[in-house]
Amino acid sequence: MEQEGRSALIELYLERRADLIRFFTLRLRSASAAEDLVQDIYVRLSGVTDTPDIQNPVGYLYRLGSNLMLDRLRGERRGAFRDGAWLDTQRTVMGAQEVADEPSAEQVVADRQRLAALVSALGDLNPQTQRVFRMHKFEGLTHPQVAATLGISRSAVEKHIMAALKHLAAVAR
């Protein structure tokens, strides 16, 4: 009996499929969205194992589609709200204008020139000071790790780091 009820609903769905698509295309203003929705109706109907005694099967199809459409619209609204809230946290607005968070072209050029000067200044250091500075600042090794790797004292590592920082600070000015 259950199989007959489900088959009757699916048969009715197949007969009314084109009507359902037209109906939901008008409401959703999108033929592809209507196609998806009508397909969802079929998926829902094919998953029904216990069909109650439906007085108006055609009305049932349209009500099922309307409920699915409302669920989809609510989900889209929630997604749009969530995306808008995220966008608000990712941008800067001054007055009514959205301001770019990126630095100006002049600032980028100045920063690149400053970086080139610092890289060049690193080349001016003696090789041991360069090695100690690179291991500590670029490779993230601690002072004791650098000392153990190079076979020098921790105090020597600190002196090399201080010498490099003094030299780079002088160049940065």
C-alpha atoms as a PDB file:
ATOM      1  CA  MET A   1       0.000   0.000   0.000  1.00  0.00           C
ATOM      2  CA  GLU A   2       2.828   2.417   0.910  1.00  0.00           C
ATOM      3  CA  GLN A   3       4.544   1.672  -2.389  1.00  0.00           C
ATOM      4  CA  GLU A   4       1.332   2.483  -4.268  1.00  0.00           C
ATOM      5  CA  GLY A   5       0.965   5.829  -2.450  1.00  0.00           C
ATOM      6  CA  ARG A   6       4.529   6.798  -3.203  1.00  0.00           C
ATOM      7  CA  SER A   7       4.234   5.698  -6.801  1.00  0.00           C
ATOM      8  CA  ALA A   8       1.013   7.686  -7.192  1.00  0.00           C
ATOM      9  CA  LEU A   9       2.743  10.843  -5.840  1.00  0.00           C
ATOM     10  CA  ILE A  10       5.741  10.332  -8.099  1.00  0.00           C
ATOM     11  CA  GLU A  11       3.463   9.681 -11.069  1.00  0.00           C
ATOM     12  CA  LEU A  12       1.571  12.887 -10.279  1.00  0.00           C
ATOM     13  CA  TYR A  13       4.894  14.709  -9.909  1.00  0.00           C
ATOM     14  CA  LEU A  14       6.046  13.478 -13.332  1.00  0.00           C
ATOM     15  CA  GLU A  15       2.748  14.589 -14.892  1.00  0.00           C
ATOM     16  CA  ARG A  16       2.926  18.033 -13.269  1.00  0.00           C
ATOM     17  CA  ARG A  17       6.680  18.598 -13.525  1.00  0.00           C
ATOM     18  CA  ALA A  18       6.462  21.184 -16.324  1.00  0.00           C
ATOM     19  CA  ASP A  19       3.698  23.055 -14.450  1.00  0.00           C
ATOM     20  CA  LEU A  20       5.768  23.023 -11.274  1.00  0.00           C
ATOM     21  CA  ILE A  21       8.773  24.429 -13.130  1.00  0.00           C
ATOM     22  CA  ARG A  22       6.696  27.260 -14.622  1.00  0.00           C
ATOM     23  CA  PHE A  23       5.087  28.010 -11.251  1.00  0.00           C
ATOM     24  CA  PHE A  24       8.384  28.218  -9.377  1.00  0.00           C
ATOM     25  CA  THR A  25      10.188  30.014 -12.222  1.00  0.00           C
ATOM     26  CA  LEU A  26       7.739  32.892 -11.792  1.00  0.00           C
ATOM     27  CA  ARG A  27       8.280  32.996  -8.033  1.00  0.00           C
ATOM     28  CA  LEU A  28      12.053  32.564  -8.058  1.00  0.00           C
ATOM     29  CA  ARG A  29      12.633  34.573 -11.262  1.00  0.00           C
ATOM     30  CA  SER A  30      15.130  31.935 -12.368  1.00  0.00           C
ATOM     31  CA  ALA A  31      14.539  28.887 -14.521  1.00  0.00           C
ATOM     32  CA  SER A  32      17.626  27.104 -13.182  1.00  0.00           C
ATOM     33  CA  ALA A  33      16.626  27.760  -9.551  1.00  0.00           C
ATOM     34  CA  ALA A  34      13.136  26.435 -10.351  1.00  0.00           C
ATOM     35  CA  GLU A  35      14.649  23.318 -11.952  1.00  0.00           C
ATOM     36  CA  ASP A  36      16.718  22.710  -8.821  1.00  0.00           C
ATOM     37  CA  LEU A  37      13.700  23.217  -6.603  1.00  0.00           C
ATOM     38  CA  VAL A  38      11.506  20.860  -8.626  1.00  0.00           C
ATOM     39  CA  GLN A  39      14.297  18.284  -8.502  1.00  0.00           C
ATOM     40  CA  ASP A  40      14.377  18.717  -4.717  1.00  0.00           C
ATOM     41  CA  ILE A  41      10.646  17.951  -4.680  1.00  0.00           C
ATOM     42  CA  TYR A  42      11.357  14.660  -6.452  1.00  0.00           C
ATOM     43  CA  VAL A  43      14.161  13.807  -4.033  1.00  0.00           C
ATOM     44  CA  ARG A  44      11.870  14.524  -1.105  1.00  0.00           C
ATOM     45  CA  LEU A  45       9.060  12.426  -2.611  1.00  0.00           C
ATOM     46  CA  SER A  46      11.372   9.508  -3.383  1.00  0.00           C
ATOM     47  CA  GLY A  47      12.551   9.498   0.237  1.00  0.00           C
ATOM     48  CA  VAL A  48       9.041   9.299   1.674  1.00  0.00           C
ATOM     49  CA  THR A  49       8.381   5.831   3.080  1.00  0.00           C
ATOM     50  CA  ASP A  50       5.146   6.454   4.964  1.00  0.00           C
ATOM     51  CA  THR A  51       2.639   8.522   3.000  1.00  0.00           C
ATOM     52  CA  PRO A  52      -0.311   9.815   4.953  1.00  0.00           C
ATOM     53  CA  ASP A  53      -3.726   9.881   3.334  1.00  0.00           C
ATOM     54  CA  ILE A  54      -3.366  13.020   1.203  1.00  0.00           C
ATOM     55  CA  GLN A  55      -6.694  14.638   0.338  1.00  0.00           C
ATOM     56  CA  ASN A  56      -5.251  16.969  -2.331  1.00  0.00           C
ATOM     57  CA  PRO A  57      -2.101  15.455  -3.913  1.00  0.00           C
ATOM     58  CA  VAL A  58      -1.613  18.358  -6.354  1.00  0.00           C
ATOM     59  CA  GLY A  59      -1.820  20.860  -3.488  1.00  0.00           C
ATOM     60  CA  TYR A  60       0.628  18.672  -1.573  1.00  0.00           C
ATOM     61  CA  LEU A  61       3.185  18.971  -4.385  1.00  0.00           C
ATOM     62  CA  TYR A  62       2.857  22.758  -4.532  1.00  0.00           C
ATOM     63  CA  ARG A  63       2.958  23.092  -0.720  1.00  0.00           C
ATOM     64  CA  LEU A  64       6.055  20.877  -0.567  1.00  0.00           C
ATOM     65  CA  GLY A  65       7.714  23.004  -3.252  1.00  0.00           C
ATOM     66  CA  SER A  66       6.732  26.244  -1.515  1.00  0.00           C
ATOM     67  CA  ASN A  67       8.163  25.029   1.785  1.00  0.00           C
ATOM     68  CA  LEU A  68      11.403  24.014   0.082  1.00  0.00           C
ATOM     69  CA  MET A  69      11.540  27.392  -1.669  1.00  0.00           C
ATOM     70  CA  LEU A  70      11.065  29.265   1.624  1.00  0.00           C
ATOM     71  CA  ASP A  71      13.783  27.155   3.273  1.00  0.00           C
ATOM     72  CA  ARG A  72      16.146  27.954   0.414  1.00  0.00           C
ATOM     73  CA  LEU A  73      15.356  31.696   0.538  1.00  0.00           C
ATOM     74  CA  ARG A  74      15.885  31.785   4.312  1.00  0.00           C
ATOM     75  CA  GLY A  75      19.222  30.032   3.895  1.00  0.00           C
ATOM     76  CA  GLU A  76      20.290  32.509   1.211  1.00  0.00           C
ATOM     77  CA  ARG A  77      19.251  35.419   3.435  1.00  0.00           C
ATOM     78  CA  ARG A  78      21.244  34.003   6.358  1.00  0.00           C
ATOM     79  CA  GLY A  79      24.246  33.508   4.063  1.00  0.00           C
ATOM     80  CA  ALA A  80      23.997  37.055   2.733  1.00  0.00           C
ATOM     81  CA  PHE A  81      23.784  38.424   6.280  1.00  0.00           C
ATOM     82  CA  ARG A  82      26.786  36.339   7.376  1.00  0.00           C
ATOM     83  CA  ASP A  83      28.805  37.394   4.312  1.00  0.00           C
ATOM     84  CA  GLY A  84      27.894  41.047   4.864  1.00  0.00           C
ATOM     85  CA  ALA A  85      28.930  40.866   8.508  1.00  0.00           C
ATOM     86  CA  TRP A  86      32.250  39.303   7.507  1.00  0.00           C
ATOM     87  CA  LEU A  87      32.823  41.956   4.847  1.00  0.00           C
ATOM     88  CA  ASP A  88      32.176  44.689   7.409  1.00  0.00           C
ATOM     89  CA  THR A  89      35.002  43.319   9.554  1.00  0.00           C
ATOM     90  CA  GLN A  90      37.385  43.158   6.583  1.00  0.00           C
ATOM     91  CA  ARG A  91      37.140  46.719   5.309  1.00  0.00           C
ATOM     92  CA  THR A  92      37.711  50.229   6.558  1.00  0.00           C
ATOM     93  CA  VAL A  93      35.081  52.924   6.092  1.00  0.00           C
ATOM     94  CA  MET A  94      35.723  56.609   6.749  1.00  0.00           C
ATOM     95  CA  GLY A  95      32.571  58.678   6.497  1.00  0.00           C
ATOM     96  CA  ALA A  96      30.665  57.257   3.564  1.00  0.00           C
ATOM     97  CA  GLN A  97      33.789  56.195   1.655  1.00  0.00           C
ATOM     98  CA  GLU A  98      35.389  52.777   1.740  1.00  0.00           C
ATOM     99  CA  VAL A  99      39.129  53.172   2.205  1.00  0.00           C
ATOM    100  CA  ALA A 100      41.670  50.717   0.844  1.00  0.00           C
ATOM    101  CA  ASP A 101      43.762  49.067   3.548  1.00  0.00           C
ATOM    102  CA  GLU A 102      46.718  48.726   1.209  1.00  0.00           C
ATOM    103  CA  PRO A 103      49.550  51.238   1.458  1.00  0.00           C
ATOM    104  CA  SER A 104      49.920  53.870  -1.226  1.00  0.00           C
ATOM    105  CA  ALA A 105      52.227  53.299  -4.189  1.00  0.00           C
ATOM    106  CA  GLU A 106      54.684  55.851  -2.805  1.00  0.00           C
ATOM    107  CA  GLN A 107      54.781  54.014   0.529  1.00  0.00           C
ATOM    108  CA  VAL A 108      55.414  50.687  -1.216  1.00  0.00           C
ATOM    109  CA  VAL A 109      58.328  52.143  -3.196  1.00  0.00           C
ATOM    110  CA  ALA A 110      59.811  53.744  -0.078  1.00  0.00           C
ATOM    111  CA  ASP A 111      59.475  50.485   1.878  1.00  0.00           C
ATOM    112  CA  ARG A 112      61.127  48.505  -0.920  1.00  0.00           C
ATOM    113  CA  GLN A 113      64.034  50.962  -1.047  1.00  0.00           C
ATOM    114  CA  ARG A 114      64.414  50.740   2.727  1.00  0.00           C
ATOM    115  CA  LEU A 115      64.381  46.927   2.569  1.00  0.00           C
ATOM    116  CA  ALA A 116      67.003  46.948  -0.201  1.00  0.00           C
ATOM    117  CA  ALA A 117      69.206  49.205   1.931  1.00  0.00           C
ATOM    118  CA  LEU A 118      68.862  46.879   4.939  1.00  0.00           C
ATOM    119  CA  VAL A 119      69.640  43.793   2.840  1.00  0.00           C
ATOM    120  CA  SER A 120      72.685  45.567   1.462  1.00  0.00           C
ATOM    121  CA  ALA A 121      73.691  46.564   5.001  1.00  0.00           C
ATOM    122  CA  LEU A 122      73.557  42.923   6.046  1.00  0.00           C
ATOM    123  CA  GLY A 123      76.172  42.260   3.369  1.00  0.00           C
ATOM    124  CA  ASP A 124      78.464  44.809   5.033  1.00  0.00           C
ATOM    125  CA  LEU A 125      78.670  42.737   8.225  1.00  0.00           C
ATOM    126  CA  ASN A 126      81.475  40.251   8.765  1.00  0.00           C
ATOM    127  CA  PRO A 127      80.512  36.687   7.760  1.00  0.00           C
ATOM    128  CA  GLN A 128      80.222  35.353  11.334  1.00  0.00           C
ATOM    129  CA  THR A 129      77.921  38.223  12.406  1.00  0.00           C
ATOM    130  CA  GLN A 130      75.813  37.685   9.279  1.00  0.00           C
ATOM    131  CA  ARG A 131      75.553  33.959  10.001  1.00  0.00           C
ATOM    132  CA  VAL A 132      74.538  34.516  13.648  1.00  0.00           C
ATOM    133  CA  PHE A 133      71.993  37.208  12.715  1.00  0.00           C
ATOM    134  CA  ARG A 134      70.404  35.100   9.946  1.00  0.00           C
ATOM    135  CA  MET A 135      70.163  32.003  12.141  1.00  0.00           C
ATOM    136  CA  HIS A 136      68.522  33.934  14.965  1.00  0.00           C
ATOM    137  CA  LYS A 137      66.245  36.350  13.084  1.00  0.00           C
ATOM    138  CA  PHE A 138      65.408  34.452   9.892  1.00  0.00           C
ATOM    139  CA  GLU A 139      65.593  30.810  10.968  1.00  0.00           C
ATOM    140  CA  GLY A 140      64.129  31.493  14.426  1.00  0.00           C
ATOM    141  CA  LEU A 141      66.846  29.787  16.460  1.00  0.00           C
ATOM    142  CA  THR A 142      67.322  30.873  20.066  1.00  0.00           C
ATOM    143  CA  HIS A 143      70.627  32.282  21.288  1.00  0.00           C
ATOM    144  CA  PRO A 144      71.635  28.966  22.938  1.00  0.00           C
ATOM    145  CA  GLN A 145      70.733  27.036  19.768  1.00  0.00           C
ATOM    146  CA  VAL A 146      72.835  29.378  17.604  1.00  0.00           C
ATOM    147  CA  ALA A 147      75.707  29.116  20.063  1.00  0.00           C
ATOM    148  CA  ALA A 148      75.550  25.301  20.045  1.00  0.00           C
ATOM    149  CA  THR A 149      75.305  25.131  16.245  1.00  0.00           C
ATOM    150  CA  LEU A 150      78.277  27.438  15.640  1.00  0.00           C
ATOM    151  CA  GLY A 151      80.347  26.266  18.614  1.00  0.00           C
ATOM    152  CA  ILE A 152      80.556  29.730  20.205  1.00  0.00           C
ATOM    153  CA  SER A 153      79.420  31.094  23.553  1.00  0.00           C
ATOM    154  CA  ARG A 154      75.983  32.521  24.172  1.00  0.00           C
ATOM    155  CA  SER A 155      77.628  35.823  25.044  1.00  0.00           C
ATOM    156  CA  ALA A 156      79.322  35.854  21.622  1.00  0.00           C
ATOM    157  CA  VAL A 157      75.949  35.287  19.958  1.00  0.00           C
ATOM    158  CA  GLU A 158      74.459  38.227  21.876  1.00  0.00           C
ATOM    159  CA  LYS A 159      77.387  40.446  20.870  1.00  0.00           C
ATOM    160  CA  HIS A 160      77.026  39.523  17.182  1.00  0.00           C
ATOM    161  CA  ILE A 161      73.262  40.209  17.320  1.00  0.00           C
ATOM    162  CA  MET A 162      73.833  43.595  19.015  1.00  0.00           C
ATOM    163  CA  ALA A 163      76.470  44.556  16.457  1.00  0.00           C
ATOM    164  CA  ALA A 164      74.152  43.641  13.579  1.00  0.00           C
ATOM    165  CA  LEU A 165      71.205  45.533  15.060  1.00  0.00           C
ATOM    166  CA  LYS A 166      73.334  48.652  15.676  1.00  0.00           C
ATOM    167  CA  HIS A 167      74.598  48.566  12.104  1.00  0.00           C
ATOM    168  CA  LEU A 168      71.086  48.080  10.655  1.00  0.00           C
ATOM    169  CA  ALA A 169      69.647  50.861  12.861  1.00  0.00           C
ATOM    170  CA  ALA A 170      72.334  53.249  11.626  1.00  0.00           C
ATOM    171  CA  VAL A 171      71.513  52.382   7.996  1.00  0.00           C
ATOM    172  CA  ALA A 172      67.769  52.696   8.625  1.00  0.00           C
ATOM    173  CA  ARG A 173      68.187  56.271   9.791  1.00  0.00           C
END
